[in-house]
Amino acid sequence: MASALAERFRDLAARRVLVVGDLMLDRFLWGRVRRISPEAPVPVVELERETRSAGGAANVARNLVGLGLQVALMGVTGADAGRDRLLEELTGAGLDTDGILVTRDRGTTVKTRVVGNHQQMMRIDEERTAPLAEGDRKRLLAAATARLAQADILLLSDYAKGVLTGAPCQALIAAARDRGLPVLVDPKGRDFGRYAGATAITPNRGELALATGVSARDTDALVAAGSALRETLRLQSLVLTLSEQGLVLMESEGHRRLPAAAREVADVSGAGDTVIATLAASLVAGLGWVESAQLANLAAGIVVNKLGTVPIAAEELLAALDREDIRAQAAKLCTIEAARNQVRRWQAAGERVVFTNGCFDLLHVGHVTLLERARRHGRRLVVGLNSDTSVRRLKGPERPVIGQEDRARLLAALSVVDAVVLFDQDTPLALIEQLRPDVLAKGADYREDQVVGAGMVKSRGGQVVLIPLAEGHSTTDIITRMQDSYRPGT
């Protein structure tokens, strides 16, 4: 998967993203704490260095550049030193900053974080959050609408600093959708109505709680409220970010929870920016929502492991994806008990589980075709795999050619397979009784009355499907051809 995505990410160099939102400068004062102040019960931070980085919508843009896209960034700043420093950061990152307008009624938003012993001690905000003056609003809206002609996707990064109030939001969303462009929004505030008609929004736990009136501590209630809100706002998707707990993808078909990819959390600053940027890059690359959400979750897990506002880079995302692929494939290899518990969780989440079984010795295109077609009948596919001893009883002492660990590992590497379970019996009946799948799939060389477990699955309201086989492919034929090719005189 990583190599395929690397190719897609290389193609992103020609794709363009328009980012409109609240710009800010993140300033970090780094130091060491050795004592408590004698003036008040507060730590004394001995300043060692200062760093600056682009924040807010500007950090979204930096993430997009890191993922390989061309980015036009639009917003407003004051005519001050904060603007100069912000433009310096953005220009150095290769961003198009021609759309950053100067407004006279406010300064550049600056957030200063004091970090002592690698832990954030406090934050100081310099900002004005009133809506833009009418003249500035019209200038920005006209310029942004004109830029849509060169964009492949629009991102609205709302940090509640007065740029993306109701009328500008709706005007930009309508203009983008008229051009057939997807619109992703990182929202703020109580009124999410101004995001109606967007493709997706990406609130965090606190933001969704504020907008819906649901307790931020009740994740199930938040998901229910988010699903209802998605329908009300006519969104294709709603992605709820849960910080160190991962994220939840909500679509018309239901919701899917993705656990956090981070092993350690050092600083969550900017994680939401990374999520929406990675979603945008993935969608532009042609991935679906589930794959895009998985990548966004992985990217967030990388940046929260770093101190400060740090954007993601395509290279580290793909490297992490390689590691996650290995871990994910290993996680697919289940004991019967683990598989049973996993199937129950999938079914509780409303996911239809398909089961099939076989020896899968010398995995070939016929096997892959069978598995792909079986998966189409549900959301999850569990494969029961005959153990080596079972295969020997069924196929003879010279089989299997490939041992059970290797056969299981090859099956787990297939994206259509969600779990692999070994069984020692001649038939998978006991395993099927334990798993209780919704669909039992078998090759069409069987009749339904010959499929082991068919009656039991149907008695529970399940379905039995017979999968058409890819002709001309069998392990026996492959072995015969191999033997013939090495036989003397042939």
Foldseek 3Di string as FASTA:
>chain_A
DLVVVVVLLQVQLQAEEEEEEAKAKEKEFEFAWDDADPVDRHTDGDTDDMDMAIDFSLLLVLQLVQSNHAYEYADEAEPDVRVVVHVVRSVVSVHRDPRYYHDHPAHHWYKYFYAYPLHTRDIDIGAAQAADDPVVLVVNLVVSLVCLVRHQAYEYGYPRSHNDDQPSLQSNLVSNVVVVHAYEYADADQDPLSNANHQEYEYELVRLCSNQVDDSVDVVVSQVSVLVVCVVSVYQWYWYQHQQQFIWIQGPVAIDGDGAPAPDFSAQRQLSSQLRSQLVSCVVSPDDNVVSSVLSRQLSNVQRVDPDNDHGHNVVSSVSVVVVLVVQLVVQEDELVVLQVVLVVCVVRVWAEEEEEDACAVPDPQNVLQLVVRLVVIVAYEYEHEAQQLCCVVPNDCDDPDHPVVSSSVQSSDPSHNHYYYDHDNACQVSCVSNLGQEYEEAPVDDLVPHRCSVVNVVVVHYYDHHYTDPPDDPVVVVVVVVVVPDPPD
